[in-house]
Structure formats: C-alpha cells, structure tokens
Amino acid sequence: MPCDVTRHLTAGPLVLPGGRGSVGAVHSEHRTDKPGYGAAVEFPAVLELLAAVETGQITAAQAQAAFTPFLERLEEYDREMDERTARYDFS
C-alpha cells in the first residue's frame, strides 16, 4: 500500500518547500535494481530541479541529493513492509 510523503527538497541553495510524492508505488518492471524504485515524486518539482541545473543555479549532484528524504523514507517503508509481512507469514 503506497504511502504519501511530503518533504522539502533542498538542492544546494535552492529549497522547494513541500515536495510531494509517495513510497511503495507500483512501477513498471524496468529499473527495479535502481535506487528509488518504488518511490514517486511530483513531476513539477523534478522539472524545477532540472531547470535549475540547466541554468547553473545548482549542480546535477545537488539535484540528485535533493531526493535523499524520499530515498530515506522508502528505506523505512520497505523495512516496515518486511516486518508487517513477517508477522503474517504462516509458512
């Protein structure tokens, strides 16, 4: 079951308040081995970060680091779901 997440996105000097997303989202079978699989972030925030990279306001590494709060919440979510599943594993 997906979980809504709201986090400020900080990329160097740029702060995007109240970035919305979710963890535990269903995605295609592509990139399942990539960090962040199972998380989604609002598209306008992604576009704003890309525009800031394009204009030189922030670096690509800073834009990537802005998603750390979502990655951290995804890791917590995965642990929570593993524990929940283990409680109901009757095999």
PDB file of N, CA and C in Angstrom:
ATOM      1  N   MET A   1       0.843  -1.164   0.000  1.00  0.00           N
ATOM      2  CA  MET A   1       0.000   0.000   0.000  1.00  0.00           C
ATOM      3  C   MET A   1       0.896   1.237   0.000  1.00  0.00           C
ATOM      4  N   PRO A   2       0.773   2.103  -1.017  1.00  0.00           N
ATOM      5  CA  PRO A   2       1.605   3.300  -1.075  1.00  0.00           C
ATOM      6  C   PRO A   2       1.338   4.248   0.085  1.00  0.00           C
ATOM      7  N   CYS A   3       2.342   5.014   0.396  1.00  0.00           N
ATOM      8  CA  CYS A   3       2.279   5.972   1.497  1.00  0.00           C
ATOM      9  C   CYS A   3       2.666   7.344   0.954  1.00  0.00           C
ATOM     10  N   ASP A   4       1.815   8.350   1.177  1.00  0.00           N
ATOM     11  CA  ASP A   4       2.127   9.711   0.732  1.00  0.00           C
ATOM     12  C   ASP A   4       3.242  10.304   1.587  1.00  0.00           C
ATOM     13  N   VAL A   5       4.094  11.084   0.932  1.00  0.00           N
ATOM     14  CA  VAL A   5       5.238  11.699   1.599  1.00  0.00           C
ATOM     15  C   VAL A   5       5.315  13.165   1.166  1.00  0.00           C
ATOM     16  N   THR A   6       5.547  14.043   2.132  1.00  0.00           N
ATOM     17  CA  THR A   6       5.805  15.450   1.836  1.00  0.00           C
ATOM     18  C   THR A   6       7.125  15.819   2.497  1.00  0.00           C
ATOM     19  N   ARG A   7       8.056  16.303   1.711  1.00  0.00           N
ATOM     20  CA  ARG A   7       9.367  16.683   2.214  1.00  0.00           C
ATOM     21  C   ARG A   7       9.843  17.919   1.460  1.00  0.00           C
ATOM     22  N   HIS A   8      10.569  18.788   2.148  1.00  0.00           N
ATOM     23  CA  HIS A   8      11.240  19.883   1.448  1.00  0.00           C
ATOM     24  C   HIS A   8      12.375  19.272   0.631  1.00  0.00           C
ATOM     25  N   LEU A   9      12.556  19.782  -0.576  1.00  0.00           N
ATOM     26  CA  LEU A   9      13.649  19.333  -1.438  1.00  0.00           C
ATOM     27  C   LEU A   9      14.715  20.422  -1.421  1.00  0.00           C
ATOM     28  N   THR A  10      15.882  20.085  -0.906  1.00  0.00           N
ATOM     29  CA  THR A  10      16.977  21.043  -0.806  1.00  0.00           C
ATOM     30  C   THR A  10      18.090  20.617  -1.746  1.00  0.00           C
ATOM     31  N   ALA A  11      18.417  21.505  -2.684  1.00  0.00           N
ATOM     32  CA  ALA A  11      19.464  21.253  -3.666  1.00  0.00           C
ATOM     33  C   ALA A  11      20.397  22.459  -3.649  1.00  0.00           C
ATOM     34  N   GLY A  12      21.493  22.340  -2.893  1.00  0.00           N
ATOM     35  CA  GLY A  12      22.386  23.485  -2.748  1.00  0.00           C
ATOM     36  C   GLY A  12      21.611  24.646  -2.145  1.00  0.00           C
ATOM     37  N   PRO A  13      21.638  25.820  -2.789  1.00  0.00           N
ATOM     38  CA  PRO A  13      20.936  26.984  -2.241  1.00  0.00           C
ATOM     39  C   PRO A  13      19.426  26.973  -2.529  1.00  0.00           C
ATOM     40  N   LEU A  14      18.978  26.065  -3.369  1.00  0.00           N
ATOM     41  CA  LEU A  14      17.574  26.009  -3.772  1.00  0.00           C
ATOM     42  C   LEU A  14      16.778  25.120  -2.819  1.00  0.00           C
ATOM     43  N   VAL A  15      15.665  25.645  -2.321  1.00  0.00           N
ATOM     44  CA  VAL A  15      14.771  24.853  -1.476  1.00  0.00           C
ATOM     45  C   VAL A  15      13.383  24.885  -2.106  1.00  0.00           C
ATOM     46  N   LEU A  16      12.862  23.706  -2.403  1.00  0.00           N
ATOM     47  CA  LEU A  16      11.495  23.584  -2.901  1.00  0.00           C
ATOM     48  C   LEU A  16      10.655  23.080  -1.737  1.00  0.00           C
ATOM     49  N   PRO A  17       9.845  23.946  -1.141  1.00  0.00           N
ATOM     50  CA  PRO A  17       9.071  23.527   0.021  1.00  0.00           C
ATOM     51  C   PRO A  17       7.952  22.559  -0.361  1.00  0.00           C
ATOM     52  N   GLY A  18       7.694  21.632   0.539  1.00  0.00           N
ATOM     53  CA  GLY A  18       6.542  20.750   0.417  1.00  0.00           C
ATOM     54  C   GLY A  18       6.501  19.890  -0.823  1.00  0.00           C
ATOM     55  N   GLY A  19       7.631  19.310  -1.201  1.00  0.00           N
ATOM     56  CA  GLY A  19       7.635  18.378  -2.329  1.00  0.00           C
ATOM     57  C   GLY A  19       6.788  17.154  -1.999  1.00  0.00           C
ATOM     58  N   ARG A  20       5.910  16.792  -2.898  1.00  0.00           N
ATOM     59  CA  ARG A  20       5.012  15.666  -2.646  1.00  0.00           C
ATOM     60  C   ARG A  20       5.451  14.447  -3.428  1.00  0.00           C
ATOM     61  N   GLY A  21       5.188  13.308  -2.856  1.00  0.00           N
ATOM     62  CA  GLY A  21       5.491  12.066  -3.535  1.00  0.00           C
ATOM     63  C   GLY A  21       4.877  10.907  -2.793  1.00  0.00           C
ATOM     64  N   SER A  22       5.292   9.723  -3.150  1.00  0.00           N
ATOM     65  CA  SER A  22       4.802   8.533  -2.474  1.00  0.00           C
ATOM     66  C   SER A  22       5.904   7.488  -2.465  1.00  0.00           C
ATOM     67  N   VAL A  23       5.789   6.583  -1.527  1.00  0.00           N
ATOM     68  CA  VAL A  23       6.667   5.424  -1.482  1.00  0.00           C
ATOM     69  C   VAL A  23       5.775   4.191  -1.495  1.00  0.00           C
ATOM     70  N   GLY A  24       6.320   3.108  -2.012  1.00  0.00           N
ATOM     71  CA  GLY A  24       5.539   1.891  -2.135  1.00  0.00           C
ATOM     72  C   GLY A  24       4.658   1.916  -3.371  1.00  0.00           C
ATOM     73  N   ALA A  25       4.973   2.808  -4.311  1.00  0.00           N
ATOM     74  CA  ALA A  25       4.187   2.931  -5.536  1.00  0.00           C
ATOM     75  C   ALA A  25       4.512   1.779  -6.487  1.00  0.00           C
ATOM     76  N   VAL A  26       3.566   1.463  -7.318  1.00  0.00           N
ATOM     77  CA  VAL A  26       3.758   0.428  -8.325  1.00  0.00           C
ATOM     78  C   VAL A  26       4.396   1.071  -9.551  1.00  0.00           C
ATOM     79  N   HIS A  27       5.414   0.432 -10.070  1.00  0.00           N
ATOM     80  CA  HIS A  27       6.107   0.929 -11.254  1.00  0.00           C
ATOM     81  C   HIS A  27       6.251  -0.188 -12.266  1.00  0.00           C
ATOM     82  N   SER A  28       6.739   0.161 -13.430  1.00  0.00           N
ATOM     83  CA  SER A  28       6.972  -0.846 -14.463  1.00  0.00           C
ATOM     84  C   SER A  28       8.102  -1.784 -14.030  1.00  0.00           C
ATOM     85  N   GLU A  29       8.314  -2.798 -14.820  1.00  0.00           N
ATOM     86  CA  GLU A  29       9.360  -3.767 -14.487  1.00  0.00           C
ATOM     87  C   GLU A  29      10.763  -3.256 -14.810  1.00  0.00           C
ATOM     88  N   HIS A  30      10.868  -2.068 -15.371  1.00  0.00           N
ATOM     89  CA  HIS A  30      12.173  -1.502 -15.713  1.00  0.00           C
ATOM     90  C   HIS A  30      12.788  -0.814 -14.498  1.00  0.00           C
ATOM     91  N   ARG A  31      14.089  -0.831 -14.394  1.00  0.00           N
ATOM     92  CA  ARG A  31      14.856  -0.155 -13.351  1.00  0.00           C
ATOM     93  C   ARG A  31      14.562  -0.668 -11.942  1.00  0.00           C
ATOM     94  N   THR A  32      14.161  -1.902 -11.817  1.00  0.00           N
ATOM     95  CA  THR A  32      13.860  -2.455 -10.491  1.00  0.00           C
ATOM     96  C   THR A  32      15.092  -2.525  -9.600  1.00  0.00           C
ATOM     97  N   ASP A  33      16.263  -2.525 -10.210  1.00  0.00           N
ATOM     98  CA  ASP A  33      17.502  -2.615  -9.447  1.00  0.00           C
ATOM     99  C   ASP A  33      18.114  -1.248  -9.133  1.00  0.00           C
ATOM    100  N   LYS A  34      17.415  -0.183  -9.479  1.00  0.00           N
ATOM    101  CA  LYS A  34      17.945   1.173  -9.283  1.00  0.00           C
ATOM    102  C   LYS A  34      17.485   1.748  -7.950  1.00  0.00           C
ATOM    103  N   PRO A  35      18.325   2.592  -7.326  1.00  0.00           N
ATOM    104  CA  PRO A  35      17.888   3.270  -6.100  1.00  0.00           C
ATOM    105  C   PRO A  35      16.631   4.090  -6.373  1.00  0.00           C
ATOM    106  N   GLY A  36      15.708   4.039  -5.456  1.00  0.00           N
ATOM    107  CA  GLY A  36      14.490   4.811  -5.591  1.00  0.00           C
ATOM    108  C   GLY A  36      13.338   4.053  -6.221  1.00  0.00           C
ATOM    109  N   TYR A  37      13.578   2.816  -6.661  1.00  0.00           N
ATOM    110  CA  TYR A  37      12.478   2.051  -7.243  1.00  0.00           C
ATOM    111  C   TYR A  37      11.387   1.889  -6.187  1.00  0.00           C
ATOM    112  N   GLY A  38      10.176   2.247  -6.547  1.00  0.00           N
ATOM    113  CA  GLY A  38       9.066   2.187  -5.602  1.00  0.00           C
ATOM    114  C   GLY A  38       8.703   3.540  -5.025  1.00  0.00           C
ATOM    115  N   ALA A  39       9.436   4.581  -5.417  1.00  0.00           N
ATOM    116  CA  ALA A  39       9.121   5.934  -4.955  1.00  0.00           C
ATOM    117  C   ALA A  39       8.723   6.788  -6.157  1.00  0.00           C
ATOM    118  N   ALA A  40       7.890   7.758  -5.906  1.00  0.00           N
ATOM    119  CA  ALA A  40       7.482   8.703  -6.945  1.00  0.00           C
ATOM    120  C   ALA A  40       7.534  10.108  -6.348  1.00  0.00           C
ATOM    121  N   VAL A  41       7.918  11.072  -7.173  1.00  0.00           N
ATOM    122  CA  VAL A  41       7.997  12.472  -6.740  1.00  0.00           C
ATOM    123  C   VAL A  41       7.245  13.299  -7.776  1.00  0.00           C
ATOM    124  N   GLU A  42       6.579  14.346  -7.314  1.00  0.00           N
ATOM    125  CA  GLU A  42       5.799  15.191  -8.219  1.00  0.00           C
ATOM    126  C   GLU A  42       6.656  15.694  -9.384  1.00  0.00           C
ATOM    127  N   PHE A  43       6.109  15.580 -10.569  1.00  0.00           N
ATOM    128  CA  PHE A  43       6.812  15.937 -11.791  1.00  0.00           C
ATOM    129  C   PHE A  43       7.206  17.417 -11.838  1.00  0.00           C
ATOM    130  N   PRO A  44       6.368  18.373 -11.415  1.00  0.00           N
ATOM    131  CA  PRO A  44       6.779  19.782 -11.455  1.00  0.00           C
ATOM    132  C   PRO A  44       8.053  20.056 -10.642  1.00  0.00           C
ATOM    133  N   ALA A  45       8.224  19.366  -9.514  1.00  0.00           N
ATOM    134  CA  ALA A  45       9.439  19.562  -8.714  1.00  0.00           C
ATOM    135  C   ALA A  45      10.659  19.040  -9.464  1.00  0.00           C
ATOM    136  N   VAL A  46      10.504  17.911 -10.135  1.00  0.00           N
ATOM    137  CA  VAL A  46      11.609  17.357 -10.918  1.00  0.00           C
ATOM    138  C   VAL A  46      11.981  18.334 -12.028  1.00  0.00           C
ATOM    139  N   LEU A  47      10.980  18.866 -12.713  1.00  0.00           N
ATOM    140  CA  LEU A  47      11.254  19.824 -13.787  1.00  0.00           C
ATOM    141  C   LEU A  47      11.920  21.092 -13.265  1.00  0.00           C
ATOM    142  N   GLU A  48      11.515  21.537 -12.088  1.00  0.00           N
ATOM    143  CA  GLU A  48      12.126  22.731 -11.498  1.00  0.00           C
ATOM    144  C   GLU A  48      13.599  22.481 -11.168  1.00  0.00           C
ATOM    145  N   LEU A  49      13.897  21.299 -10.650  1.00  0.00           N
ATOM    146  CA  LEU A  49      15.296  20.961 -10.361  1.00  0.00           C
ATOM    147  C   LEU A  49      16.114  20.873 -11.649  1.00  0.00           C
ATOM    148  N   LEU A  50      15.551  20.275 -12.680  1.00  0.00           N
ATOM    149  CA  LEU A  50      16.270  20.183 -13.958  1.00  0.00           C
ATOM    150  C   LEU A  50      16.524  21.565 -14.548  1.00  0.00           C
ATOM    151  N   ALA A  51      15.556  22.458 -14.440  1.00  0.00           N
ATOM    152  CA  ALA A  51      15.737  23.826 -14.934  1.00  0.00           C
ATOM    153  C   ALA A  51      16.841  24.536 -14.156  1.00  0.00           C
ATOM    154  N   ALA A  52      16.909  24.300 -12.860  1.00  0.00           N
ATOM    155  CA  ALA A  52      17.953  24.923 -12.043  1.00  0.00           C
ATOM    156  C   ALA A  52      19.326  24.381 -12.418  1.00  0.00           C
ATOM    157  N   VAL A  53      19.406  23.115 -12.785  1.00  0.00           N
ATOM    158  CA  VAL A  53      20.677  22.547 -13.264  1.00  0.00           C
ATOM    159  C   VAL A  53      21.046  23.202 -14.593  1.00  0.00           C
ATOM    160  N   GLU A  54      20.069  23.304 -15.473  1.00  0.00           N
ATOM    161  CA  GLU A  54      20.309  23.867 -16.805  1.00  0.00           C
ATOM    162  C   GLU A  54      20.816  25.304 -16.740  1.00  0.00           C
ATOM    163  N   THR A  55      20.316  26.087 -15.786  1.00  0.00           N
ATOM    164  CA  THR A  55      20.731  27.491 -15.671  1.00  0.00           C
ATOM    165  C   THR A  55      21.988  27.660 -14.816  1.00  0.00           C
ATOM    166  N   GLY A  56      22.490  26.564 -14.255  1.00  0.00           N
ATOM    167  CA  GLY A  56      23.707  26.633 -13.447  1.00  0.00           C
ATOM    168  C   GLY A  56      23.465  27.059 -12.008  1.00  0.00           C
ATOM    169  N   GLN A  57      22.205  27.139 -11.598  1.00  0.00           N
ATOM    170  CA  GLN A  57      21.889  27.528 -10.221  1.00  0.00           C
ATOM    171  C   GLN A  57      22.315  26.445  -9.238  1.00  0.00           C
ATOM    172  N   ILE A  58      22.200  25.180  -9.659  1.00  0.00           N
ATOM    173  CA  ILE A  58      22.634  24.038  -8.844  1.00  0.00           C
ATOM    174  C   ILE A  58      23.333  23.035  -9.758  1.00  0.00           C
ATOM    175  N   THR A  59      24.044  22.116  -9.149  1.00  0.00           N
ATOM    176  CA  THR A  59      24.700  21.058  -9.929  1.00  0.00           C
ATOM    177  C   THR A  59      23.767  19.850 -10.025  1.00  0.00           C
ATOM    178  N   ALA A  60      24.090  18.961 -10.942  1.00  0.00           N
ATOM    179  CA  ALA A  60      23.318  17.728 -11.077  1.00  0.00           C
ATOM    180  C   ALA A  60      23.405  16.902  -9.790  1.00  0.00           C
ATOM    181  N   ALA A  61      24.569  16.898  -9.161  1.00  0.00           N
ATOM    182  CA  ALA A  61      24.734  16.160  -7.902  1.00  0.00           C
ATOM    183  C   ALA A  61      23.846  16.752  -6.805  1.00  0.00           C
ATOM    184  N   GLN A  62      23.720  18.073  -6.776  1.00  0.00           N
ATOM    185  CA  GLN A  62      22.847  18.706  -5.785  1.00  0.00           C
ATOM    186  C   GLN A  62      21.381  18.362  -6.060  1.00  0.00           C
ATOM    187  N   ALA A  63      21.005  18.337  -7.330  1.00  0.00           N
ATOM    188  CA  ALA A  63      19.631  17.961  -7.683  1.00  0.00           C
ATOM    189  C   ALA A  63      19.353  16.527  -7.256  1.00  0.00           C
ATOM    190  N   GLN A  64      20.281  15.642  -7.507  1.00  0.00           N
ATOM    191  CA  GLN A  64      20.112  14.239  -7.123  1.00  0.00           C
ATOM    192  C   GLN A  64      20.000  14.109  -5.602  1.00  0.00           C
ATOM    193  N   ALA A  65      20.822  14.849  -4.879  1.00  0.00           N
ATOM    194  CA  ALA A  65      20.804  14.785  -3.416  1.00  0.00           C
ATOM    195  C   ALA A  65      19.488  15.304  -2.832  1.00  0.00           C
ATOM    196  N   ALA A  66      18.783  16.143  -3.582  1.00  0.00           N
ATOM    197  CA  ALA A  66      17.510  16.677  -3.095  1.00  0.00           C
ATOM    198  C   ALA A  66      16.491  15.574  -2.844  1.00  0.00           C
ATOM    199  N   PHE A  67      16.663  14.433  -3.491  1.00  0.00           N
ATOM    200  CA  PHE A  67      15.713  13.327  -3.337  1.00  0.00           C
ATOM    201  C   PHE A  67      16.048  12.413  -2.172  1.00  0.00           C
ATOM    202  N   THR A  68      17.107  12.708  -1.445  1.00  0.00           N
ATOM    203  CA  THR A  68      17.508  11.883  -0.302  1.00  0.00           C
ATOM    204  C   THR A  68      16.380  11.659   0.703  1.00  0.00           C
ATOM    205  N   PRO A  69      15.588  12.683   1.057  1.00  0.00           N
ATOM    206  CA  PRO A  69      14.495  12.427   2.014  1.00  0.00           C
ATOM    207  C   PRO A  69      13.502  11.374   1.524  1.00  0.00           C
ATOM    208  N   PHE A  70      13.262  11.330   0.225  1.00  0.00           N
ATOM    209  CA  PHE A  70      12.353  10.318  -0.320  1.00  0.00           C
ATOM    210  C   PHE A  70      13.004   8.940  -0.284  1.00  0.00           C
ATOM    211  N   LEU A  71      14.298   8.878  -0.582  1.00  0.00           N
ATOM    212  CA  LEU A  71      15.002   7.596  -0.522  1.00  0.00           C
ATOM    213  C   LEU A  71      15.038   7.064   0.903  1.00  0.00           C
ATOM    214  N   GLU A  72      15.265   7.953   1.860  1.00  0.00           N
ATOM    215  CA  GLU A  72      15.285   7.529   3.261  1.00  0.00           C
ATOM    216  C   GLU A  72      13.913   7.012   3.687  1.00  0.00           C
ATOM    217  N   ARG A  73      12.860   7.701   3.279  1.00  0.00           N
ATOM    218  CA  ARG A  73      11.508   7.252   3.646  1.00  0.00           C
ATOM    219  C   ARG A  73      11.174   5.931   2.954  1.00  0.00           C
ATOM    220  N   LEU A  74      11.660   5.752   1.721  1.00  0.00           N
ATOM    221  CA  LEU A  74      11.450   4.497   1.003  1.00  0.00           C
ATOM    222  C   LEU A  74      12.121   3.337   1.746  1.00  0.00           C
ATOM    223  N   GLU A  75      13.332   3.563   2.254  1.00  0.00           N
ATOM    224  CA  GLU A  75      14.026   2.524   3.019  1.00  0.00           C
ATOM    225  C   GLU A  75      13.238   2.172   4.277  1.00  0.00           C
ATOM    226  N   GLU A  76      12.714   3.189   4.985  1.00  0.00           N
ATOM    227  CA  GLU A  76      11.889   2.955   6.178  1.00  0.00           C
ATOM    228  C   GLU A  76      10.644   2.158   5.797  1.00  0.00           C
ATOM    229  N   TYR A  77      10.000   2.554   4.721  1.00  0.00           N
ATOM    230  CA  TYR A  77       8.786   1.904   4.257  1.00  0.00           C
ATOM    231  C   TYR A  77       9.054   0.431   3.947  1.00  0.00           C
ATOM    232  N   ASP A  78      10.146   0.170   3.236  1.00  0.00           N
ATOM    233  CA  ASP A  78      10.497  -1.211   2.897  1.00  0.00           C
ATOM    234  C   ASP A  78      10.700  -2.048   4.152  1.00  0.00           C
ATOM    235  N   ARG A  79      11.375  -1.485   5.148  1.00  0.00           N
ATOM    236  CA  ARG A  79      11.562  -2.217   6.413  1.00  0.00           C
ATOM    237  C   ARG A  79      10.222  -2.481   7.097  1.00  0.00           C
ATOM    238  N   GLU A  80       9.366  -1.450   7.126  1.00  0.00           N
ATOM    239  CA  GLU A  80       8.049  -1.595   7.745  1.00  0.00           C
ATOM    240  C   GLU A  80       7.239  -2.689   7.053  1.00  0.00           C
ATOM    241  N   MET A  81       7.272  -2.719   5.734  1.00  0.00           N
ATOM    242  CA  MET A  81       6.505  -3.722   4.994  1.00  0.00           C
ATOM    243  C   MET A  81       7.093  -5.124   5.202  1.00  0.00           C
ATOM    244  N   ASP A  82       8.412  -5.221   5.289  1.00  0.00           N
ATOM    245  CA  ASP A  82       9.039  -6.516   5.559  1.00  0.00           C
ATOM    246  C   ASP A  82       8.611  -7.042   6.930  1.00  0.00           C
ATOM    247  N   GLU A  83       8.597  -6.153   7.928  1.00  0.00           N
ATOM    248  CA  GLU A  83       8.185  -6.551   9.283  1.00  0.00           C
ATOM    249  C   GLU A  83       6.706  -6.936   9.303  1.00  0.00           C
ATOM    250  N   ARG A  84       5.901  -6.182   8.603  1.00  0.00           N
ATOM    251  CA  ARG A  84       4.467  -6.472   8.552  1.00  0.00           C
ATOM    252  C   ARG A  84       4.218  -7.823   7.888  1.00  0.00           C
ATOM    253  N   THR A  85       4.902  -8.087   6.796  1.00  0.00           N
ATOM    254  CA  THR A  85       4.760  -9.357   6.094  1.00  0.00           C
ATOM    255  C   THR A  85       5.209 -10.505   6.985  1.00  0.00           C
ATOM    256  N   ALA A  86       6.299 -10.301   7.705  1.00  0.00           N
ATOM    257  CA  ALA A  86       6.820 -11.369   8.586  1.00  0.00           C
ATOM    258  C   ALA A  86       5.819 -11.722   9.671  1.00  0.00           C
ATOM    259  N   ARG A  87       5.058 -10.768  10.147  1.00  0.00           N
ATOM    260  CA  ARG A  87       4.047 -11.038  11.185  1.00  0.00           C
ATOM    261  C   ARG A  87       2.963 -11.969  10.695  1.00  0.00           C
ATOM    262  N   TYR A  88       2.698 -11.928   9.387  1.00  0.00           N
ATOM    263  CA  TYR A  88       1.602 -12.718   8.834  1.00  0.00           C
ATOM    264  C   TYR A  88       2.087 -13.889   7.987  1.00  0.00           C
ATOM    265  N   ASP A  89       3.347 -14.227   8.094  1.00  0.00           N
ATOM    266  CA  ASP A  89       3.906 -15.349   7.350  1.00  0.00           C
ATOM    267  C   ASP A  89       3.666 -16.616   8.150  1.00  0.00           C
ATOM    268  N   PHE A  90       2.737 -17.424   7.701  1.00  0.00           N
ATOM    269  CA  PHE A  90       2.356 -18.631   8.411  1.00  0.00           C
ATOM    270  C   PHE A  90       2.932 -19.890   7.783  1.00  0.00           C
ATOM    271  N   SER A  91       3.942 -19.747   6.975  1.00  0.00           N
ATOM    272  CA  SER A  91       4.505 -20.935   6.308  1.00  0.00           C
ATOM    273  C   SER A  91       5.404 -21.730   7.231  1.00  0.00           C
TER     274      SER A  91
END
